C-alpha atoms as a PDB file:
ATOM      1  CA  MET A   1      37.536  45.217 -15.286  1.00  0.00           C
ATOM      2  CA  GLU A   2      37.247  46.338 -11.655  1.00  0.00           C
ATOM      3  CA  GLN A   3      33.443  46.617 -11.899  1.00  0.00           C
ATOM      4  CA  SER A   4      33.315  43.230 -13.549  1.00  0.00           C
ATOM      5  CA  SER A   5      35.410  41.665 -10.788  1.00  0.00           C
ATOM      6  CA  GLU A   6      33.238  43.284  -8.118  1.00  0.00           C
ATOM      7  CA  ARG A   7      30.130  41.925  -9.837  1.00  0.00           C
ATOM      8  CA  ILE A   8      31.574  38.412  -9.936  1.00  0.00           C
ATOM      9  CA  ILE A   9      32.506  38.635  -6.241  1.00  0.00           C
ATOM     10  CA  SER A  10      29.020  39.898  -5.391  1.00  0.00           C
ATOM     11  CA  LEU A  11      27.367  37.114  -7.379  1.00  0.00           C
ATOM     12  CA  GLN A  12      29.637  34.510  -5.772  1.00  0.00           C
ATOM     13  CA  ARG A  13      28.572  35.754  -2.351  1.00  0.00           C
ATOM     14  CA  LEU A  14      24.941  35.264  -3.348  1.00  0.00           C
ATOM     15  CA  VAL A  15      25.731  31.761  -4.594  1.00  0.00           C
ATOM     16  CA  ASP A  16      27.581  30.891  -1.372  1.00  0.00           C
ATOM     17  CA  GLN A  17      24.768  32.333   0.739  1.00  0.00           C
ATOM     18  CA  TYR A  18      22.131  30.338  -1.079  1.00  0.00           C
ATOM     19  CA  ASN A  19      24.127  27.116  -1.024  1.00  0.00           C
ATOM     20  CA  ALA A  20      24.674  27.505   2.732  1.00  0.00           C
ATOM     21  CA  THR A  21      20.946  27.918   3.454  1.00  0.00           C
ATOM     22  CA  PRO A  22      19.220  24.712   4.672  1.00  0.00           C
ATOM     23  CA  GLY A  23      16.302  23.432   2.608  1.00  0.00           C
ATOM     24  CA  LYS A  24      13.216  21.394   3.445  1.00  0.00           C
ATOM     25  CA  PRO A  25      13.554  19.481   6.723  1.00  0.00           C
ATOM     26  CA  GLU A  26      11.533  16.586   5.280  1.00  0.00           C
ATOM     27  CA  SER A  27      13.938  16.117   2.365  1.00  0.00           C
ATOM     28  CA  VAL A  28      16.581  13.422   2.383  1.00  0.00           C
ATOM     29  CA  SER A  29      19.753  14.486   4.184  1.00  0.00           C
ATOM     30  CA  CYS A  30      22.279  15.778   1.663  1.00  0.00           C
ATOM     31  CA  ASP A  31      25.629  17.399   2.406  1.00  0.00           C
ATOM     32  CA  LYS A  32      25.797  19.003  -1.046  1.00  0.00           C
ATOM     33  CA  CYS A  33      22.500  20.938  -1.252  1.00  0.00           C
ATOM     34  CA  LEU A  34      21.414  20.760   2.430  1.00  0.00           C
ATOM     35  CA  GLY A  35      17.970  19.532   1.366  1.00  0.00           C
ATOM     36  CA  LYS A  36      17.187  22.215  -1.245  1.00  0.00           C
ATOM     37  CA  GLU A  37      17.538  19.754  -4.171  1.00  0.00           C
ATOM     38  CA  TYR A  38      19.411  22.420  -6.198  1.00  0.00           C
ATOM     39  CA  ILE A  39      22.993  23.676  -6.162  1.00  0.00           C
ATOM     40  CA  HIS A  40      23.841  27.148  -7.477  1.00  0.00           C
ATOM     41  CA  PHE A  41      27.104  28.153  -9.143  1.00  0.00           C
ATOM     42  CA  LEU A  42      28.498  30.773 -11.508  1.00  0.00           C
ATOM     43  CA  GLU A  43      28.753  30.076 -15.206  1.00  0.00           C
ATOM     44  CA  ASN A  44      29.912  32.716 -17.716  1.00  0.00           C
ATOM     45  CA  GLY A  45      29.074  35.474 -15.264  1.00  0.00           C
ATOM     46  CA  TYR A  46      25.568  34.267 -14.452  1.00  0.00           C
ATOM     47  CA  ILE A  47      24.075  32.376 -11.506  1.00  0.00           C
ATOM     48  CA  VAL A  48      22.976  28.926 -12.655  1.00  0.00           C
ATOM     49  CA  ALA A  49      20.997  26.314 -10.742  1.00  0.00           C
ATOM     50  CA  LYS A  50      21.679  22.613 -11.206  1.00  0.00           C
ATOM     51  CA  GLU A  51      19.518  19.855  -9.789  1.00  0.00           C
ATOM     52  CA  CYS A  52      21.260  17.899  -7.046  1.00  0.00           C
ATOM     53  CA  ALA A  53      21.463  14.105  -7.293  1.00  0.00           C
ATOM     54  CA  CYS A  54      19.295  13.829  -4.172  1.00  0.00           C
ATOM     55  CA  ALA A  55      16.291  15.374  -5.997  1.00  0.00           C
ATOM     56  CA  GLU A  56      15.461  12.128  -7.790  1.00  0.00           C
ATOM     57  CA  ILE A  57      15.764  10.264  -4.485  1.00  0.00           C
ATOM     58  CA  ASN A  58      13.239  12.676  -2.953  1.00  0.00           C
ATOM     59  CA  ARG A  59      10.873  12.229  -5.896  1.00  0.00           C
ATOM     60  CA  THR A  60      11.099   8.463  -5.508  1.00  0.00           C
ATOM     61  CA  LEU A  61      10.375   8.703  -1.774  1.00  0.00           C
ATOM     62  CA  LYS A  62       7.355  10.899  -2.483  1.00  0.00           C
ATOM     63  CA  ARG A  63       6.070   8.442  -5.085  1.00  0.00           C
ATOM     64  CA  ILE A  64       6.439   5.615  -2.574  1.00  0.00           C
ATOM     65  CA  GLU A  65       4.571   7.639   0.059  1.00  0.00           C
ATOM     66  CA  ARG A  66       1.691   8.358  -2.332  1.00  0.00           C
ATOM     67  CA  SER A  67       1.568   4.756  -3.545  1.00  0.00           C
ATOM     68  CA  GLY A  68       0.435   3.402  -0.179  1.00  0.00           C
ATOM     69  CA  LEU A  69       3.253   0.840  -0.233  1.00  0.00           C
ATOM     70  CA  LYS A  70       5.840   2.569   1.953  1.00  0.00           C
ATOM     71  CA  ASP A  71       5.845   0.062   4.828  1.00  0.00           C
ATOM     72  CA  LEU A  72       5.516  -2.977   2.558  1.00  0.00           C
ATOM     73  CA  MET A  73       8.313  -1.896   0.236  1.00  0.00           C
ATOM     74  CA  GLU A  74      10.794  -1.781   3.093  1.00  0.00           C
ATOM     75  CA  LEU A  75      10.086  -5.453   3.814  1.00  0.00           C
ATOM     76  CA  CYS A  76       9.124  -6.903   0.449  1.00  0.00           C
ATOM     77  CA  THR A  77      12.095  -6.877  -1.894  1.00  0.00           C
ATOM     78  CA  PHE A  78      13.467  -9.501  -4.242  1.00  0.00           C
ATOM     79  CA  ASP A  79      16.455  -9.938  -1.926  1.00  0.00           C
ATOM     80  CA  SER A  80      14.270 -10.641   1.116  1.00  0.00           C
ATOM     81  CA  TYR A  81      12.061 -13.208  -0.646  1.00  0.00           C
ATOM     82  CA  GLU A  82      13.070 -16.650   0.618  1.00  0.00           C
ATOM     83  CA  THR A  83      13.735 -19.349  -1.956  1.00  0.00           C
ATOM     84  CA  THR A  84      14.122 -22.538   0.044  1.00  0.00           C
ATOM     85  CA  GLU A  85      11.764 -24.463  -2.250  1.00  0.00           C
ATOM     86  CA  LYS A  86      11.953 -25.004  -6.016  1.00  0.00           C
ATOM     87  CA  TRP A  87       8.537 -23.386  -6.573  1.00  0.00           C
ATOM     88  CA  GLN A  88       9.761 -20.257  -4.768  1.00  0.00           C
ATOM     89  CA  VAL A  89      12.806 -20.030  -7.036  1.00  0.00           C
ATOM     90  CA  GLN A  90      10.516 -20.257 -10.070  1.00  0.00           C
ATOM     91  CA  ALA A  91       8.049 -17.712  -8.650  1.00  0.00           C
ATOM     92  CA  LYS A  92      10.809 -15.202  -7.889  1.00  0.00           C
ATOM     93  CA  GLN A  93      12.348 -15.613 -11.336  1.00  0.00           C
ATOM     94  CA  LYS A  94       8.988 -15.014 -13.035  1.00  0.00           C
ATOM     95  CA  ALA A  95       8.501 -11.814 -11.036  1.00  0.00           C
ATOM     96  CA  MET A  96      12.039 -10.595 -11.744  1.00  0.00           C
ATOM     97  CA  ASP A  97      11.631 -11.324 -15.457  1.00  0.00           C
ATOM     98  CA  PHE A  98       8.553  -9.107 -15.536  1.00  0.00           C
ATOM     99  CA  ALA A  99      10.236  -6.289 -13.600  1.00  0.00           C
ATOM    100  CA  SER A 100      13.104  -6.197 -16.110  1.00  0.00           C
ATOM    101  CA  GLY A 101      11.095  -6.886 -19.255  1.00  0.00           C
ATOM    102  CA  ASN A 102       8.265  -5.528 -21.401  1.00  0.00           C
ATOM    103  CA  GLN A 103       5.687  -3.826 -19.175  1.00  0.00           C
ATOM    104  CA  GLU A 104       3.084  -3.603 -21.905  1.00  0.00           C
ATOM    105  CA  ASP A 105       2.066  -6.946 -20.407  1.00  0.00           C
ATOM    106  CA  TRP A 106       0.428  -7.340 -16.989  1.00  0.00           C
ATOM    107  CA  PHE A 107       1.576  -9.479 -14.069  1.00  0.00           C
ATOM    108  CA  PHE A 108      -0.853 -11.818 -12.315  1.00  0.00           C
ATOM    109  CA  ALA A 109      -0.157 -13.876  -9.188  1.00  0.00           C
ATOM    110  CA  GLY A 110      -2.935 -16.172  -8.004  1.00  0.00           C
ATOM    111  CA  GLY A 111      -3.517 -19.124  -5.736  1.00  0.00           C
ATOM    112  CA  GLN A 112      -2.409 -20.280  -2.310  1.00  0.00           C
ATOM    113  CA  ILE A 113      -2.862 -17.912   0.644  1.00  0.00           C
ATOM    114  CA  GLY A 114       0.357 -16.896   2.400  1.00  0.00           C
ATOM    115  CA  SER A 115       2.661 -18.046  -0.383  1.00  0.00           C
ATOM    116  CA  GLY A 116       4.365 -14.683  -0.937  1.00  0.00           C
ATOM    117  CA  LYS A 117       2.270 -13.303  -3.803  1.00  0.00           C
ATOM    118  CA  THR A 118       2.013  -9.857  -2.201  1.00  0.00           C
ATOM    119  CA  HIS A 119       5.740  -9.905  -1.427  1.00  0.00           C
ATOM    120  CA  LEU A 120       6.705 -10.542  -5.050  1.00  0.00           C
ATOM    121  CA  CYS A 121       4.186  -8.070  -6.485  1.00  0.00           C
ATOM    122  CA  THR A 122       5.411  -5.373  -4.093  1.00  0.00           C
ATOM    123  CA  ALA A 123       9.012  -6.111  -5.093  1.00  0.00           C
ATOM    124  CA  ILE A 124       8.017  -5.624  -8.746  1.00  0.00           C
ATOM    125  CA  VAL A 125       6.381  -2.286  -7.955  1.00  0.00           C
ATOM    126  CA  GLY A 126       9.443  -1.134  -6.010  1.00  0.00           C
ATOM    127  CA  SER A 127      11.732  -2.068  -8.881  1.00  0.00           C
ATOM    128  CA  LEU A 128       9.587  -0.207 -11.436  1.00  0.00           C
ATOM    129  CA  MET A 129       9.208   2.886  -9.249  1.00  0.00           C
ATOM    130  CA  LYS A 130      12.986   3.242  -9.205  1.00  0.00           C
ATOM    131  CA  GLN A 131      12.647   3.847 -12.953  1.00  0.00           C
ATOM    132  CA  GLY A 132      10.605   6.984 -12.225  1.00  0.00           C
ATOM    133  CA  LYS A 133       7.073   5.580 -12.491  1.00  0.00           C
ATOM    134  CA  SER A 134       4.263   6.456 -10.095  1.00  0.00           C
ATOM    135  CA  ALA A 135       2.167   3.746  -8.463  1.00  0.00           C
ATOM    136  CA  ILE A 136      -0.966   3.167  -6.417  1.00  0.00           C
ATOM    137  CA  TYR A 137      -1.551   0.213  -4.119  1.00  0.00           C
ATOM    138  CA  MET A 138      -5.215  -0.829  -4.238  1.00  0.00           C
ATOM    139  CA  LEU A 139      -6.346  -3.319  -1.604  1.00  0.00           C
ATOM    140  CA  TRP A 140      -9.453  -4.550  -3.378  1.00  0.00           C
ATOM    141  CA  VAL A 141     -11.492  -5.297  -0.250  1.00  0.00           C
ATOM    142  CA  ASP A 142     -11.166  -1.716   1.017  1.00  0.00           C
ATOM    143  CA  GLU A 143     -11.154   0.309  -2.199  1.00  0.00           C
ATOM    144  CA  ALA A 144     -14.050  -1.501  -3.862  1.00  0.00           C
ATOM    145  CA  VAL A 145     -16.229  -0.729  -0.825  1.00  0.00           C
ATOM    146  CA  LYS A 146     -15.241   2.950  -0.974  1.00  0.00           C
ATOM    147  CA  LEU A 147     -15.932   3.172  -4.714  1.00  0.00           C
ATOM    148  CA  LYS A 148     -19.346   1.531  -4.342  1.00  0.00           C
ATOM    149  CA  ALA A 149     -20.229   4.050  -1.629  1.00  0.00           C
ATOM    150  CA  MET A 150     -19.325   6.929  -3.978  1.00  0.00           C
ATOM    151  CA  VAL A 151     -21.496   5.799  -6.890  1.00  0.00           C
ATOM    152  CA  THR A 152     -24.368   8.108  -5.920  1.00  0.00           C
ATOM    153  CA  ASP A 153     -21.995  11.091  -6.115  1.00  0.00           C
ATOM    154  CA  GLY A 154     -20.907  11.064  -9.752  1.00  0.00           C
ATOM    155  CA  GLU A 155     -18.138  13.636  -9.387  1.00  0.00           C
ATOM    156  CA  GLU A 156     -16.564  12.015  -6.327  1.00  0.00           C
ATOM    157  CA  TYR A 157     -16.694   8.573  -7.949  1.00  0.00           C
ATOM    158  CA  THR A 158     -15.202   9.832 -11.202  1.00  0.00           C
ATOM    159  CA  ASN A 159     -12.329  11.611  -9.442  1.00  0.00           C
ATOM    160  CA  ALA A 160     -11.510   8.508  -7.406  1.00  0.00           C
ATOM    161  CA  ILE A 161     -11.615   5.972 -10.217  1.00  0.00           C
ATOM    162  CA  VAL A 162      -9.805   8.182 -12.737  1.00  0.00           C
ATOM    163  CA  LYS A 163      -6.741   8.151 -10.466  1.00  0.00           C
ATOM    164  CA  LEU A 164      -6.809   4.348 -10.468  1.00  0.00           C
ATOM    165  CA  LYS A 165      -7.406   4.179 -14.211  1.00  0.00           C
ATOM    166  CA  THR A 166      -4.587   6.490 -15.228  1.00  0.00           C
ATOM    167  CA  ILE A 167      -1.734   5.905 -12.735  1.00  0.00           C
ATOM    168  CA  ASP A 168       1.474   4.513 -14.296  1.00  0.00           C
ATOM    169  CA  ILE A 169       1.387   1.376 -12.122  1.00  0.00           C
ATOM    170  CA  LEU A 170      -1.714  -0.004 -10.445  1.00  0.00           C
ATOM    171  CA  TYR A 171      -1.205  -2.877  -8.034  1.00  0.00           C
ATOM    172  CA  ILE A 172      -4.485  -4.569  -7.049  1.00  0.00           C
ATOM    173  CA  ASP A 173      -4.034  -6.856  -4.053  1.00  0.00           C
ATOM    174  CA  ASP A 174      -6.531  -9.580  -3.046  1.00  0.00           C
ATOM    175  CA  PHE A 175      -8.548  -9.019  -6.208  1.00  0.00           C
ATOM    176  CA  PHE A 176     -12.164 -10.247  -5.906  1.00  0.00           C
ATOM    177  CA  LYS A 177     -11.588 -11.346  -2.295  1.00  0.00           C
ATOM    178  CA  THR A 178     -14.943 -11.779  -0.541  1.00  0.00           C
ATOM    179  CA  GLU A 179     -16.153 -12.819   2.877  1.00  0.00           C
ATOM    180  CA  HIS A 180     -16.516 -16.591   3.225  1.00  0.00           C
ATOM    181  CA  GLU A 181     -15.570 -16.997  -0.474  1.00  0.00           C
ATOM    182  CA  LYS A 182     -18.888 -15.570  -1.640  1.00  0.00           C
ATOM    183  CA  ARG A 183     -19.314 -14.572  -5.258  1.00  0.00           C
ATOM    184  CA  PRO A 184     -18.395 -10.913  -5.927  1.00  0.00           C
ATOM    185  CA  THR A 185     -21.440  -8.696  -6.333  1.00  0.00           C
ATOM    186  CA  ALA A 186     -22.610  -7.189  -9.611  1.00  0.00           C
ATOM    187  CA  ALA A 187     -21.297  -3.829  -8.362  1.00  0.00           C
ATOM    188  CA  ASP A 188     -17.847  -5.353  -7.731  1.00  0.00           C
ATOM    189  CA  ILE A 189     -17.768  -6.797 -11.238  1.00  0.00           C
ATOM    190  CA  ARG A 190     -18.912  -3.520 -12.782  1.00  0.00           C
ATOM    191  CA  ILE A 191     -16.132  -1.558 -11.042  1.00  0.00           C
ATOM    192  CA  ALA A 192     -13.536  -4.183 -11.959  1.00  0.00           C
ATOM    193  CA  PHE A 193     -14.560  -4.094 -15.614  1.00  0.00           C
ATOM    194  CA  GLU A 194     -14.577  -0.297 -15.822  1.00  0.00           C
ATOM    195  CA  LEU A 195     -11.145  -0.061 -14.233  1.00  0.00           C
ATOM    196  CA  LEU A 196      -9.419  -2.943 -15.998  1.00  0.00           C
ATOM    197  CA  ASN A 197     -10.970  -2.318 -19.398  1.00  0.00           C
ATOM    198  CA  TYR A 198      -9.523   1.211 -19.411  1.00  0.00           C
ATOM    199  CA  ARG A 199      -6.087  -0.120 -18.531  1.00  0.00           C
ATOM    200  CA  TYR A 200      -6.488  -2.999 -21.002  1.00  0.00           C
ATOM    201  CA  ILE A 201      -7.013  -0.509 -23.845  1.00  0.00           C
ATOM    202  CA  ASN A 202      -4.187   1.823 -22.762  1.00  0.00           C
ATOM    203  CA  ARG A 203      -1.183  -0.445 -23.193  1.00  0.00           C
ATOM    204  CA  ASN A 204       1.323   1.963 -21.647  1.00  0.00           C
ATOM    205  CA  LEU A 205      -0.250   1.444 -18.203  1.00  0.00           C
ATOM    206  CA  ILE A 206       1.232  -1.282 -15.988  1.00  0.00           C
ATOM    207  CA  THR A 207      -1.192  -3.449 -14.017  1.00  0.00           C
ATOM    208  CA  ILE A 208      -0.163  -5.947 -11.347  1.00  0.00           C
ATOM    209  CA  ILE A 209      -2.776  -8.187  -9.735  1.00  0.00           C
ATOM    210  CA  SER A 210      -2.622 -10.681  -6.879  1.00  0.00           C
ATOM    211  CA  SER A 211      -5.568 -12.823  -5.885  1.00  0.00           C
ATOM    212  CA  GLU A 212      -6.522 -15.934  -3.960  1.00  0.00           C
ATOM    213  CA  ARG A 213      -8.436 -16.863  -7.108  1.00  0.00           C
ATOM    214  CA  THR A 214      -6.746 -18.285 -10.181  1.00  0.00           C
ATOM    215  CA  ILE A 215      -7.432 -16.989 -13.684  1.00  0.00           C
ATOM    216  CA  ASP A 216      -9.983 -19.798 -14.102  1.00  0.00           C
ATOM    217  CA  GLY A 217     -11.622 -18.709 -10.862  1.00  0.00           C
ATOM    218  CA  ILE A 218     -11.904 -15.125 -12.092  1.00  0.00           C
ATOM    219  CA  LEU A 219     -13.276 -16.338 -15.438  1.00  0.00           C
ATOM    220  CA  ASP A 220     -15.976 -18.189 -13.483  1.00  0.00           C
ATOM    221  CA  VAL A 221     -16.928 -14.900 -11.812  1.00  0.00           C
ATOM    222  CA  ASP A 222     -16.951 -12.844 -15.014  1.00  0.00           C
ATOM    223  CA  GLU A 223     -15.601 -13.820 -18.399  1.00  0.00           C
ATOM    224  CA  SER A 224     -15.134 -10.247 -19.630  1.00  0.00           C
ATOM    225  CA  VAL A 225     -12.922  -9.327 -16.670  1.00  0.00           C
ATOM    226  CA  GLY A 226     -11.111 -12.664 -16.555  1.00  0.00           C
ATOM    227  CA  SER A 227     -10.353 -12.805 -20.269  1.00  0.00           C
ATOM    228  CA  ARG A 228      -8.825  -9.312 -20.205  1.00  0.00           C
ATOM    229  CA  ILE A 229      -6.583 -10.249 -17.299  1.00  0.00           C
ATOM    230  CA  TYR A 230      -5.621 -13.488 -19.011  1.00  0.00           C
ATOM    231  CA  GLN A 231      -4.810 -11.892 -22.372  1.00  0.00           C
ATOM    232  CA  ARG A 232      -2.606  -9.188 -20.879  1.00  0.00           C
ATOM    233  CA  SER A 233      -0.873 -11.403 -18.267  1.00  0.00           C
ATOM    234  CA  LYS A 234      -0.567 -14.764 -20.040  1.00  0.00           C
ATOM    235  CA  ASN A 235       3.167 -14.247 -20.539  1.00  0.00           C
ATOM    236  CA  HIS A 236       3.633 -13.335 -16.863  1.00  0.00           C
ATOM    237  CA  CYS A 237       1.082 -15.429 -15.005  1.00  0.00           C
ATOM    238  CA  LEU A 238       2.124 -16.975 -11.684  1.00  0.00           C
ATOM    239  CA  ILE A 239      -0.258 -19.603 -10.285  1.00  0.00           C
ATOM    240  CA  ILE A 240       0.669 -21.179  -6.952  1.00  0.00           C
ATOM    241  CA  GLU A 241      -1.287 -24.377  -6.444  1.00  0.00           C
ATOM    242  CA  GLN A 242      -3.413 -24.729  -3.326  1.00  0.00           C
ATOM    243  CA  ASP A 243      -1.221 -26.405  -0.733  1.00  0.00           C
ATOM    244  CA  LYS A 244      -1.309 -25.414   2.942  1.00  0.00           C
ATOM    245  CA  SER A 245       2.364 -26.335   3.280  1.00  0.00           C
ATOM    246  CA  LYS A 246       3.070 -23.265   1.094  1.00  0.00           C
ATOM    247  CA  ASN A 247       1.335 -20.927   3.555  1.00  0.00           C
ATOM    248  CA  PHE A 248       4.353 -19.441   5.276  1.00  0.00           C
ATOM    249  CA  ARG A 249       2.194 -17.376   7.622  1.00  0.00           C
ATOM    250  CA  MET A 250       1.500 -20.643   9.436  1.00  0.00           C
ATOM    251  CA  LYS A 251       5.180 -21.378  10.053  1.00  0.00           C
END
């Protein structure tokens, strides 16, 4: 009995020592685990580790960091989206319905510049990431240029596009945006088809797209790409009609 008691005391000291040791300085501040993400305790004479509640918070923060949406997500939430006009109320409701519904569909927001499409799409991504999903923010203008530059290096191109193909949530912003409203190049269309066709086939992957073009405008560019977007997003398609009074960047 004495040896057993001494063992328990010794193990408890180890538990107390570990629990008192600070963890990673970059982790969220936590009074329980001190940033280690685990708490140790004795159970039936053995040291047991239990994940602290802050661990999921840290995972979410890391997913946000990797997504490329960290700064936007702090600003663009459903709560911060203004609904002073009827069309804004309808737009917000459509986005919220998608965030809380069946994500085997896609979400598409097209039309008027400055009308809050990026805000709502970012709010959707933030809501879904809280459910434990990983995301990537793809600004089409920048990423399409990078992908086209990698084409001559097959391995580099494959590694880059596979990440976009397979991530839980892909948010493509300003899809098919071009300088002076020029038609997207054949290379742009080829990349778009390769990426979206993969995600079209794999129904467990969530795709969110915002664009200054409408679905009809994308169909005019390429029917194969446009029809896939339409079929997967027809239940969650937000089109904001061209109207400069809806451009809130000008106010």
